[in-house]
C-alpha atoms as a PDB file:
ATOM      1  CA  UNK A   1     -15.256 -26.886  12.292  1.00  0.00           C
ATOM      2  CA  UNK A   2     -14.185 -27.155   8.979  1.00  0.00           C
ATOM      3  CA  UNK A   3     -10.510 -25.554   9.677  1.00  0.00           C
ATOM      4  CA  UNK A   4      -9.642 -28.112  12.581  1.00  0.00           C
ATOM      5  CA  UNK A   5     -10.789 -31.226  10.612  1.00  0.00           C
ATOM      6  CA  UNK A   6      -8.718 -29.703   7.571  1.00  0.00           C
ATOM      7  CA  UNK A   7      -5.780 -29.235   9.965  1.00  0.00           C
ATOM      8  CA  UNK A   8      -6.579 -33.260  11.545  1.00  0.00           C
ATOM      9  CA  UNK A   9      -6.162 -34.584   8.026  1.00  0.00           C
ATOM     10  CA  UNK A  10      -3.209 -32.424   7.048  1.00  0.00           C
ATOM     11  CA  UNK A  11      -1.600 -33.796   9.783  1.00  0.00           C
ATOM     12  CA  UNK A  12      -2.100 -37.527   9.439  1.00  0.00           C
ATOM     13  CA  UNK A  13      -1.028 -37.120   5.555  1.00  0.00           C
ATOM     14  CA  UNK A  14       2.032 -34.936   6.520  1.00  0.00           C
ATOM     15  CA  UNK A  15       3.062 -37.823   9.733  1.00  0.00           C
ATOM     16  CA  UNK A  16       2.451 -40.376   7.421  1.00  0.00           C
ATOM     17  CA  UNK A  17       4.950 -38.796   5.028  1.00  0.00           C
ATOM     18  CA  UNK A  18       7.286 -38.364   7.779  1.00  0.00           C
ATOM     19  CA  UNK A  19       7.265 -41.870   8.416  1.00  0.00           C
ATOM     20  CA  UNK A  20       7.007 -43.063   4.963  1.00  0.00           C
ATOM     21  CA  UNK A  21       9.883 -41.442   3.596  1.00  0.00           C
ATOM     22  CA  UNK A  22      12.008 -41.957   7.111  1.00  0.00           C
ATOM     23  CA  UNK A  23      12.664 -38.396   7.635  1.00  0.00           C
ATOM     24  CA  UNK A  24      12.767 -39.439  11.422  1.00  0.00           C
ATOM     25  CA  UNK A  25      15.866 -41.238  11.182  1.00  0.00           C
ATOM     26  CA  UNK A  26      18.561 -38.977  12.244  1.00  0.00           C
ATOM     27  CA  UNK A  27      22.407 -39.324  12.263  1.00  0.00           C
ATOM     28  CA  UNK A  28      24.037 -41.073  15.203  1.00  0.00           C
ATOM     29  CA  UNK A  29      24.888 -38.499  17.806  1.00  0.00           C
ATOM     30  CA  UNK A  30      28.647 -37.509  18.003  1.00  0.00           C
ATOM     31  CA  UNK A  31      30.775 -38.678  20.466  1.00  0.00           C
ATOM     32  CA  UNK A  32      30.618 -37.566  24.132  1.00  0.00           C
ATOM     33  CA  UNK A  33      32.684 -34.420  24.839  1.00  0.00           C
ATOM     34  CA  UNK A  34      32.616 -32.816  28.282  1.00  0.00           C
ATOM     35  CA  UNK A  35      33.240 -29.517  26.739  1.00  0.00           C
ATOM     36  CA  UNK A  36      30.180 -29.855  24.663  1.00  0.00           C
ATOM     37  CA  UNK A  37      27.982 -30.743  27.309  1.00  0.00           C
ATOM     38  CA  UNK A  38      29.042 -28.143  29.967  1.00  0.00           C
ATOM     39  CA  UNK A  39      30.175 -25.394  27.802  1.00  0.00           C
ATOM     40  CA  UNK A  40      26.681 -24.972  26.089  1.00  0.00           C
ATOM     41  CA  UNK A  41      24.581 -26.062  29.470  1.00  0.00           C
ATOM     42  CA  UNK A  42      26.453 -23.213  31.220  1.00  0.00           C
ATOM     43  CA  UNK A  43      25.731 -20.619  28.469  1.00  0.00           C
ATOM     44  CA  UNK A  44      22.065 -21.613  28.756  1.00  0.00           C
ATOM     45  CA  UNK A  45      21.915 -20.923  32.534  1.00  0.00           C
ATOM     46  CA  UNK A  46      23.554 -17.772  31.948  1.00  0.00           C
ATOM     47  CA  UNK A  47      21.188 -16.742  29.427  1.00  0.00           C
ATOM     48  CA  UNK A  48      18.317 -17.506  31.450  1.00  0.00           C
ATOM     49  CA  UNK A  49      19.810 -15.381  34.310  1.00  0.00           C
ATOM     50  CA  UNK A  50      20.430 -12.769  32.334  1.00  0.00           C
ATOM     51  CA  UNK A  51      17.132 -12.134  30.406  1.00  0.00           C
ATOM     52  CA  UNK A  52      15.247 -12.477  34.033  1.00  0.00           C
ATOM     53  CA  UNK A  53      17.930  -9.771  35.576  1.00  0.00           C
ATOM     54  CA  UNK A  54      17.430  -7.593  32.474  1.00  0.00           C
ATOM     55  CA  UNK A  55      13.351  -7.884  32.826  1.00  0.00           C
ATOM     56  CA  UNK A  56      13.715  -7.306  36.845  1.00  0.00           C
ATOM     57  CA  UNK A  57      15.875  -4.324  36.310  1.00  0.00           C
ATOM     58  CA  UNK A  58      13.959  -2.343  34.295  1.00  0.00           C
ATOM     59  CA  UNK A  59      10.900  -3.446  35.720  1.00  0.00           C
ATOM     60  CA  UNK A  60      12.079  -1.591  38.877  1.00  0.00           C
ATOM     61  CA  UNK A  61      13.561   1.350  36.976  1.00  0.00           C
ATOM     62  CA  UNK A  62      10.450   1.918  35.044  1.00  0.00           C
ATOM     63  CA  UNK A  63       8.174   1.237  38.074  1.00  0.00           C
ATOM     64  CA  UNK A  64       6.365  -1.744  35.805  1.00  0.00           C
ATOM     65  CA  UNK A  65       4.484  -4.097  38.017  1.00  0.00           C
ATOM     66  CA  UNK A  66       5.210  -7.854  36.887  1.00  0.00           C
ATOM     67  CA  UNK A  67       2.301  -9.467  38.105  1.00  0.00           C
ATOM     68  CA  UNK A  68      -0.221  -6.768  36.549  1.00  0.00           C
ATOM     69  CA  UNK A  69       0.473  -6.337  33.205  1.00  0.00           C
ATOM     70  CA  UNK A  70      -2.308  -8.181  32.175  1.00  0.00           C
ATOM     71  CA  UNK A  71      -4.662  -5.930  34.187  1.00  0.00           C
ATOM     72  CA  UNK A  72      -3.141  -2.688  32.233  1.00  0.00           C
ATOM     73  CA  UNK A  73      -5.184  -1.467  29.584  1.00  0.00           C
ATOM     74  CA  UNK A  74      -3.925  -2.896  26.199  1.00  0.00           C
ATOM     75  CA  UNK A  75      -1.968   0.236  25.224  1.00  0.00           C
ATOM     76  CA  UNK A  76      -0.132   0.490  28.462  1.00  0.00           C
ATOM     77  CA  UNK A  77       0.263  -3.329  28.578  1.00  0.00           C
ATOM     78  CA  UNK A  78       1.920  -3.709  25.229  1.00  0.00           C
ATOM     79  CA  UNK A  79       4.156  -0.792  25.579  1.00  0.00           C
ATOM     80  CA  UNK A  80       5.267  -2.293  29.098  1.00  0.00           C
ATOM     81  CA  UNK A  81       5.915  -5.991  27.258  1.00  0.00           C
ATOM     82  CA  UNK A  82       8.035  -4.275  24.754  1.00  0.00           C
ATOM     83  CA  UNK A  83      10.095  -2.040  27.171  1.00  0.00           C
ATOM     84  CA  UNK A  84      10.733  -5.603  29.176  1.00  0.00           C
ATOM     85  CA  UNK A  85      11.254  -7.689  25.813  1.00  0.00           C
ATOM     86  CA  UNK A  86      13.953  -5.137  24.983  1.00  0.00           C
ATOM     87  CA  UNK A  87      15.544  -5.337  28.007  1.00  0.00           C
ATOM     88  CA  UNK A  88      15.773  -9.111  28.063  1.00  0.00           C
ATOM     89  CA  UNK A  89      17.215  -9.539  24.550  1.00  0.00           C
ATOM     90  CA  UNK A  90      19.845  -6.931  25.503  1.00  0.00           C
ATOM     91  CA  UNK A  91      20.775  -8.096  28.668  1.00  0.00           C
ATOM     92  CA  UNK A  92      21.396 -11.469  26.873  1.00  0.00           C
ATOM     93  CA  UNK A  93      23.001 -10.438  23.797  1.00  0.00           C
ATOM     94  CA  UNK A  94      26.548 -11.093  25.143  1.00  0.00           C
ATOM     95  CA  UNK A  95      25.813 -14.943  25.554  1.00  0.00           C
ATOM     96  CA  UNK A  96      23.578 -14.826  21.891  1.00  0.00           C
ATOM     97  CA  UNK A  97      27.077 -14.122  20.513  1.00  0.00           C
ATOM     98  CA  UNK A  98      28.801 -16.402  22.821  1.00  0.00           C
ATOM     99  CA  UNK A  99      26.431 -19.016  21.655  1.00  0.00           C
ATOM    100  CA  UNK A 100      26.696 -18.383  17.942  1.00  0.00           C
ATOM    101  CA  UNK A 101      30.683 -18.626  18.116  1.00  0.00           C
ATOM    102  CA  UNK A 102      30.534 -22.024  19.961  1.00  0.00           C
ATOM    103  CA  UNK A 103      28.275 -23.020  16.808  1.00  0.00           C
ATOM    104  CA  UNK A 104      31.018 -21.668  14.652  1.00  0.00           C
ATOM    105  CA  UNK A 105      33.736 -23.795  16.936  1.00  0.00           C
ATOM    106  CA  UNK A 106      31.499 -26.899  16.631  1.00  0.00           C
ATOM    107  CA  UNK A 107      31.318 -26.873  12.901  1.00  0.00           C
ATOM    108  CA  UNK A 108      35.269 -25.963  12.901  1.00  0.00           C
ATOM    109  CA  UNK A 109      35.888 -28.986  14.781  1.00  0.00           C
ATOM    110  CA  UNK A 110      33.392 -30.927  12.222  1.00  0.00           C
ATOM    111  CA  UNK A 111      30.984 -31.796  14.815  1.00  0.00           C
ATOM    112  CA  UNK A 112      28.277 -29.788  12.460  1.00  0.00           C
ATOM    113  CA  UNK A 113      28.223 -29.750   8.864  1.00  0.00           C
ATOM    114  CA  UNK A 114      27.436 -25.908   6.857  1.00  0.00           C
ATOM    115  CA  UNK A 115      24.465 -25.848   4.852  1.00  0.00           C
ATOM    116  CA  UNK A 116      23.774 -23.427   2.331  1.00  0.00           C
ATOM    117  CA  UNK A 117      21.181 -20.574   2.874  1.00  0.00           C
ATOM    118  CA  UNK A 118      19.034 -21.453   0.159  1.00  0.00           C
ATOM    119  CA  UNK A 119      18.822 -24.858   1.429  1.00  0.00           C
ATOM    120  CA  UNK A 120      18.614 -23.571   4.922  1.00  0.00           C
ATOM    121  CA  UNK A 121      15.481 -21.300   4.367  1.00  0.00           C
ATOM    122  CA  UNK A 122      13.862 -24.286   1.987  1.00  0.00           C
ATOM    123  CA  UNK A 123      14.100 -26.675   5.132  1.00  0.00           C
ATOM    124  CA  UNK A 124      12.828 -23.825   7.583  1.00  0.00           C
ATOM    125  CA  UNK A 125       9.845 -23.524   5.552  1.00  0.00           C
ATOM    126  CA  UNK A 126       9.358 -27.434   5.053  1.00  0.00           C
ATOM    127  CA  UNK A 127       9.436 -28.014   8.712  1.00  0.00           C
ATOM    128  CA  UNK A 128       6.913 -25.119   9.133  1.00  0.00           C
ATOM    129  CA  UNK A 129       4.511 -26.665   6.941  1.00  0.00           C
ATOM    130  CA  UNK A 130       4.912 -29.823   8.320  1.00  0.00           C
ATOM    131  CA  UNK A 131       4.598 -29.126  11.610  1.00  0.00           C
ATOM    132  CA  UNK A 132       1.563 -26.524  11.572  1.00  0.00           C
ATOM    133  CA  UNK A 133      -1.221 -28.638  11.016  1.00  0.00           C
ATOM    134  CA  UNK A 134      -0.053 -31.314  13.781  1.00  0.00           C
ATOM    135  CA  UNK A 135       0.137 -28.405  15.875  1.00  0.00           C
ATOM    136  CA  UNK A 136      -3.065 -27.026  15.108  1.00  0.00           C
ATOM    137  CA  UNK A 137      -4.341 -30.658  15.596  1.00  0.00           C
ATOM    138  CA  UNK A 138      -2.811 -30.960  18.882  1.00  0.00           C
ATOM    139  CA  UNK A 139      -4.298 -27.523  20.076  1.00  0.00           C
ATOM    140  CA  UNK A 140      -7.675 -28.568  18.866  1.00  0.00           C
ATOM    141  CA  UNK A 141      -7.594 -32.101  20.609  1.00  0.00           C
ATOM    142  CA  UNK A 142      -6.176 -30.474  23.845  1.00  0.00           C
ATOM    143  CA  UNK A 143      -9.177 -27.631  23.941  1.00  0.00           C
ATOM    144  CA  UNK A 144     -11.554 -30.223  23.056  1.00  0.00           C
ATOM    145  CA  UNK A 145     -10.293 -32.181  26.325  1.00  0.00           C
ATOM    146  CA  UNK A 146     -10.341 -29.235  28.238  1.00  0.00           C
ATOM    147  CA  UNK A 147     -14.100 -28.405  27.613  1.00  0.00           C
ATOM    148  CA  UNK A 148     -15.198 -31.820  28.268  1.00  0.00           C
ATOM    149  CA  UNK A 149     -13.562 -31.642  31.484  1.00  0.00           C
ATOM    150  CA  UNK A 150     -14.234 -28.200  32.703  1.00  0.00           C
ATOM    151  CA  UNK A 151     -17.270 -27.458  30.644  1.00  0.00           C
ATOM    152  CA  UNK A 152     -15.722 -24.187  29.385  1.00  0.00           C
ATOM    153  CA  UNK A 153     -14.881 -23.552  25.827  1.00  0.00           C
ATOM    154  CA  UNK A 154     -10.818 -22.868  25.079  1.00  0.00           C
ATOM    155  CA  UNK A 155     -10.256 -19.064  24.932  1.00  0.00           C
ATOM    156  CA  UNK A 156     -10.198 -18.274  21.295  1.00  0.00           C
ATOM    157  CA  UNK A 157      -6.530 -16.892  21.974  1.00  0.00           C
ATOM    158  CA  UNK A 158      -4.458 -18.636  24.003  1.00  0.00           C
ATOM    159  CA  UNK A 159      -1.484 -16.506  24.246  1.00  0.00           C
ATOM    160  CA  UNK A 160      -1.737 -13.648  26.195  1.00  0.00           C
ATOM    161  CA  UNK A 161       0.556 -11.339  24.412  1.00  0.00           C
ATOM    162  CA  UNK A 162      -1.574 -12.064  21.376  1.00  0.00           C
ATOM    163  CA  UNK A 163      -4.911 -10.713  23.247  1.00  0.00           C
ATOM    164  CA  UNK A 164      -3.434  -7.502  23.718  1.00  0.00           C
ATOM    165  CA  UNK A 165      -1.898  -7.043  20.213  1.00  0.00           C
ATOM    166  CA  UNK A 166      -5.447  -7.802  18.927  1.00  0.00           C
ATOM    167  CA  UNK A 167      -6.979  -4.600  21.047  1.00  0.00           C
ATOM    168  CA  UNK A 168      -7.790  -1.859  18.637  1.00  0.00           C
ATOM    169  CA  UNK A 169      -6.982   0.564  21.677  1.00  0.00           C
ATOM    170  CA  UNK A 170      -3.208  -0.735  21.216  1.00  0.00           C
ATOM    171  CA  UNK A 171      -2.798   0.942  18.247  1.00  0.00           C
ATOM    172  CA  UNK A 172       0.189   1.439  16.535  1.00  0.00           C
ATOM    173  CA  UNK A 173       2.305   0.503  19.702  1.00  0.00           C
ATOM    174  CA  UNK A 174       1.870  -2.875  18.741  1.00  0.00           C
ATOM    175  CA  UNK A 175       4.390  -2.736  15.817  1.00  0.00           C
ATOM    176  CA  UNK A 176       7.389  -3.130  17.923  1.00  0.00           C
ATOM    177  CA  UNK A 177       6.183  -5.702  19.888  1.00  0.00           C
ATOM    178  CA  UNK A 178       5.313  -7.655  16.915  1.00  0.00           C
ATOM    179  CA  UNK A 179       8.516  -7.270  15.471  1.00  0.00           C
ATOM    180  CA  UNK A 180      10.153  -8.643  18.516  1.00  0.00           C
ATOM    181  CA  UNK A 181       7.644 -11.678  18.715  1.00  0.00           C
ATOM    182  CA  UNK A 182       8.319 -12.528  15.143  1.00  0.00           C
ATOM    183  CA  UNK A 183      12.309 -12.146  15.149  1.00  0.00           C
ATOM    184  CA  UNK A 184      13.487 -11.645  18.365  1.00  0.00           C
ATOM    185  CA  UNK A 185      11.622 -14.608  20.322  1.00  0.00           C
ATOM    186  CA  UNK A 186      12.112 -16.731  17.050  1.00  0.00           C
ATOM    187  CA  UNK A 187      16.302 -15.799  17.507  1.00  0.00           C
ATOM    188  CA  UNK A 188      16.468 -15.887  21.259  1.00  0.00           C
ATOM    189  CA  UNK A 189      14.717 -19.121  21.954  1.00  0.00           C
ATOM    190  CA  UNK A 190      15.983 -21.339  19.073  1.00  0.00           C
ATOM    191  CA  UNK A 191      20.017 -19.862  20.310  1.00  0.00           C
ATOM    192  CA  UNK A 192      18.260 -20.987  23.912  1.00  0.00           C
ATOM    193  CA  UNK A 193      16.846 -24.571  23.589  1.00  0.00           C
ATOM    194  CA  UNK A 194      18.328 -25.694  20.498  1.00  0.00           C
ATOM    195  CA  UNK A 195      21.912 -24.310  19.940  1.00  0.00           C
ATOM    196  CA  UNK A 196      22.621 -24.414  23.870  1.00  0.00           C
ATOM    197  CA  UNK A 197      20.279 -26.894  25.659  1.00  0.00           C
ATOM    198  CA  UNK A 198      19.794 -29.360  22.938  1.00  0.00           C
ATOM    199  CA  UNK A 199      23.297 -29.570  22.396  1.00  0.00           C
ATOM    200  CA  UNK A 200      24.381 -29.962  25.804  1.00  0.00           C
ATOM    201  CA  UNK A 201      21.389 -32.877  26.375  1.00  0.00           C
ATOM    202  CA  UNK A 202      22.595 -34.337  22.854  1.00  0.00           C
ATOM    203  CA  UNK A 203      26.565 -34.462  23.886  1.00  0.00           C
ATOM    204  CA  UNK A 204      25.477 -35.696  27.188  1.00  0.00           C
ATOM    205  CA  UNK A 205      22.650 -38.787  26.440  1.00  0.00           C
ATOM    206  CA  UNK A 206      24.322 -39.245  22.820  1.00  0.00           C
ATOM    207  CA  UNK A 207      20.811 -39.294  21.645  1.00  0.00           C
ATOM    208  CA  UNK A 208      19.403 -36.641  19.022  1.00  0.00           C
ATOM    209  CA  UNK A 209      15.729 -37.586  19.480  1.00  0.00           C
ATOM    210  CA  UNK A 210      16.249 -37.487  23.586  1.00  0.00           C
ATOM    211  CA  UNK A 211      18.149 -34.464  23.218  1.00  0.00           C
ATOM    212  CA  UNK A 212      15.103 -33.088  21.092  1.00  0.00           C
ATOM    213  CA  UNK A 213      12.280 -34.258  23.643  1.00  0.00           C
ATOM    214  CA  UNK A 214      14.120 -32.997  26.554  1.00  0.00           C
ATOM    215  CA  UNK A 215      14.631 -29.263  25.174  1.00  0.00           C
ATOM    216  CA  UNK A 216      11.264 -29.771  24.287  1.00  0.00           C
ATOM    217  CA  UNK A 217       9.616 -30.249  27.507  1.00  0.00           C
ATOM    218  CA  UNK A 218      11.533 -27.544  29.298  1.00  0.00           C
ATOM    219  CA  UNK A 219      10.490 -25.219  26.357  1.00  0.00           C
ATOM    220  CA  UNK A 220       7.139 -25.998  27.073  1.00  0.00           C
ATOM    221  CA  UNK A 221       7.422 -25.833  31.030  1.00  0.00           C
ATOM    222  CA  UNK A 222       9.129 -21.980  30.380  1.00  0.00           C
ATOM    223  CA  UNK A 223       6.069 -20.915  28.370  1.00  0.00           C
ATOM    224  CA  UNK A 224       3.529 -22.326  31.151  1.00  0.00           C
ATOM    225  CA  UNK A 225       2.937 -18.878  32.666  1.00  0.00           C
ATOM    226  CA  UNK A 226       1.922 -17.006  29.165  1.00  0.00           C
ATOM    227  CA  UNK A 227      -0.501 -20.055  28.022  1.00  0.00           C
ATOM    228  CA  UNK A 228      -3.433 -22.031  29.845  1.00  0.00           C
ATOM    229  CA  UNK A 229      -2.638 -25.571  30.529  1.00  0.00           C
ATOM    230  CA  UNK A 230      -4.449 -26.874  27.492  1.00  0.00           C
ATOM    231  CA  UNK A 231      -1.998 -25.135  24.821  1.00  0.00           C
ATOM    232  CA  UNK A 232       0.964 -26.824  26.452  1.00  0.00           C
ATOM    233  CA  UNK A 233       0.721 -30.167  24.513  1.00  0.00           C
ATOM    234  CA  UNK A 234       0.592 -27.896  21.054  1.00  0.00           C
ATOM    235  CA  UNK A 235       3.668 -25.968  21.872  1.00  0.00           C
ATOM    236  CA  UNK A 236       5.569 -29.203  22.989  1.00  0.00           C
ATOM    237  CA  UNK A 237       4.409 -30.598  19.347  1.00  0.00           C
ATOM    238  CA  UNK A 238       6.202 -27.417  17.732  1.00  0.00           C
ATOM    239  CA  UNK A 239       9.295 -27.707  19.698  1.00  0.00           C
ATOM    240  CA  UNK A 240       9.566 -31.212  18.881  1.00  0.00           C
ATOM    241  CA  UNK A 241       9.584 -30.022  15.065  1.00  0.00           C
ATOM    242  CA  UNK A 242      12.139 -27.228  15.500  1.00  0.00           C
ATOM    243  CA  UNK A 243      14.106 -30.048  17.563  1.00  0.00           C
ATOM    244  CA  UNK A 244      13.773 -32.321  14.638  1.00  0.00           C
ATOM    245  CA  UNK A 245      14.954 -29.474  11.850  1.00  0.00           C
ATOM    246  CA  UNK A 246      17.995 -28.352  14.047  1.00  0.00           C
ATOM    247  CA  UNK A 247      19.292 -31.758  13.913  1.00  0.00           C
ATOM    248  CA  UNK A 248      18.113 -33.130  10.387  1.00  0.00           C
ATOM    249  CA  UNK A 249      19.759 -29.815   9.031  1.00  0.00           C
ATOM    250  CA  UNK A 250      22.748 -29.436  11.525  1.00  0.00           C
ATOM    251  CA  UNK A 251      22.139 -25.588  11.157  1.00  0.00           C
ATOM    252  CA  UNK A 252      20.524 -23.076  13.230  1.00  0.00           C
ATOM    253  CA  UNK A 253      18.740 -21.288  10.481  1.00  0.00           C
ATOM    254  CA  UNK A 254      15.859 -23.741   9.406  1.00  0.00           C
ATOM    255  CA  UNK A 255      14.293 -23.835  13.347  1.00  0.00           C
ATOM    256  CA  UNK A 256      15.001 -19.833  13.453  1.00  0.00           C
ATOM    257  CA  UNK A 257      13.036 -19.531  10.073  1.00  0.00           C
ATOM    258  CA  UNK A 258      10.214 -22.064  11.081  1.00  0.00           C
ATOM    259  CA  UNK A 259       9.839 -20.273  14.291  1.00  0.00           C
ATOM    260  CA  UNK A 260       9.734 -16.833  12.803  1.00  0.00           C
ATOM    261  CA  UNK A 261       6.967 -18.180  10.304  1.00  0.00           C
ATOM    262  CA  UNK A 262       5.137 -19.733  13.216  1.00  0.00           C
ATOM    263  CA  UNK A 263       4.835 -16.873  14.985  1.00  0.00           C
ATOM    264  CA  UNK A 264       3.936 -14.570  12.002  1.00  0.00           C
ATOM    265  CA  UNK A 265       1.167 -16.840  10.960  1.00  0.00           C
ATOM    266  CA  UNK A 266      -0.447 -17.049  14.477  1.00  0.00           C
ATOM    267  CA  UNK A 267      -0.528 -13.202  14.634  1.00  0.00           C
ATOM    268  CA  UNK A 268      -2.231 -13.099  11.065  1.00  0.00           C
ATOM    269  CA  UNK A 269      -4.647 -15.616  11.802  1.00  0.00           C
ATOM    270  CA  UNK A 270      -5.851 -14.201  14.948  1.00  0.00           C
ATOM    271  CA  UNK A 271      -5.876 -10.550  13.067  1.00  0.00           C
ATOM    272  CA  UNK A 272      -7.930 -12.618  10.082  1.00  0.00           C
ATOM    273  CA  UNK A 273     -10.241 -14.443  12.536  1.00  0.00           C
ATOM    274  CA  UNK A 274     -10.739 -12.582  15.578  1.00  0.00           C
ATOM    275  CA  UNK A 275     -13.567  -9.795  15.818  1.00  0.00           C
ATOM    276  CA  UNK A 276     -11.814  -6.890  17.856  1.00  0.00           C
ATOM    277  CA  UNK A 277     -14.254  -5.445  21.020  1.00  0.00           C
ATOM    278  CA  UNK A 278     -15.228  -2.021  20.721  1.00  0.00           C
ATOM    279  CA  UNK A 279     -12.741   0.592  22.250  1.00  0.00           C
ATOM    280  CA  UNK A 280     -13.128   0.436  25.935  1.00  0.00           C
ATOM    281  CA  UNK A 281     -14.617  -3.276  26.166  1.00  0.00           C
ATOM    282  CA  UNK A 282     -12.610  -5.770  27.369  1.00  0.00           C
ATOM    283  CA  UNK A 283      -9.634  -3.776  28.881  1.00  0.00           C
ATOM    284  CA  UNK A 284      -8.059  -4.091  31.979  1.00  0.00           C
END
């Protein structure tokens, strides 16, 4: 109970600082621009379609049962997930490039401000330090509610991918997947949900906070199949923080840095606190 209590206290202190320093105040949203609404939304839709197409195509070619990956032994499950992640990102890579070009175009039109690299990294790390206790507290409280309602304690590892990464049988096969989860997921998801979806909603609704909330809702729902219901509020809280630092910094790099740090810390924390099962136990 020491860790959850410490996180709740840190979250309250952080939120108090957040409000006291008025960090929640964001600049006015830019004037409505049809191109700034529809171009990123079309790219967002295309990126989702291509990611799904890549997964489906490679799964069919490799004979991978998408519905049965979690039932495979950990090593086979990790290898299958690595293959599918690579396919997902390769298929979506052209749209990623188009999205980055669109970000550059917005900046060249004066709709986004350039930010120094050192400041961007600092903002990303700062956002992570501010968001981590909040996300951990929301996860703890959601798990507590789930336990009260169902009588069943929440799982120590909420994400199905993390479960397989922690299994001893997976061996060295986890390394490529860890890189894809820490780096690949952060880059592609921040481009998808912040640079495309959030930008589209912002120019449509002319509200930065409405855009942050809308993109965060979609971000959370899209992760619904990978985590239990009780973990979704924490993902929503995380996405709010990522969306906020994107708008606060006017740069895509800070949320990418914060997202990478969050994924890396999650994996490190799981490795440090979870006692792995002996080989042969707990596998599919």
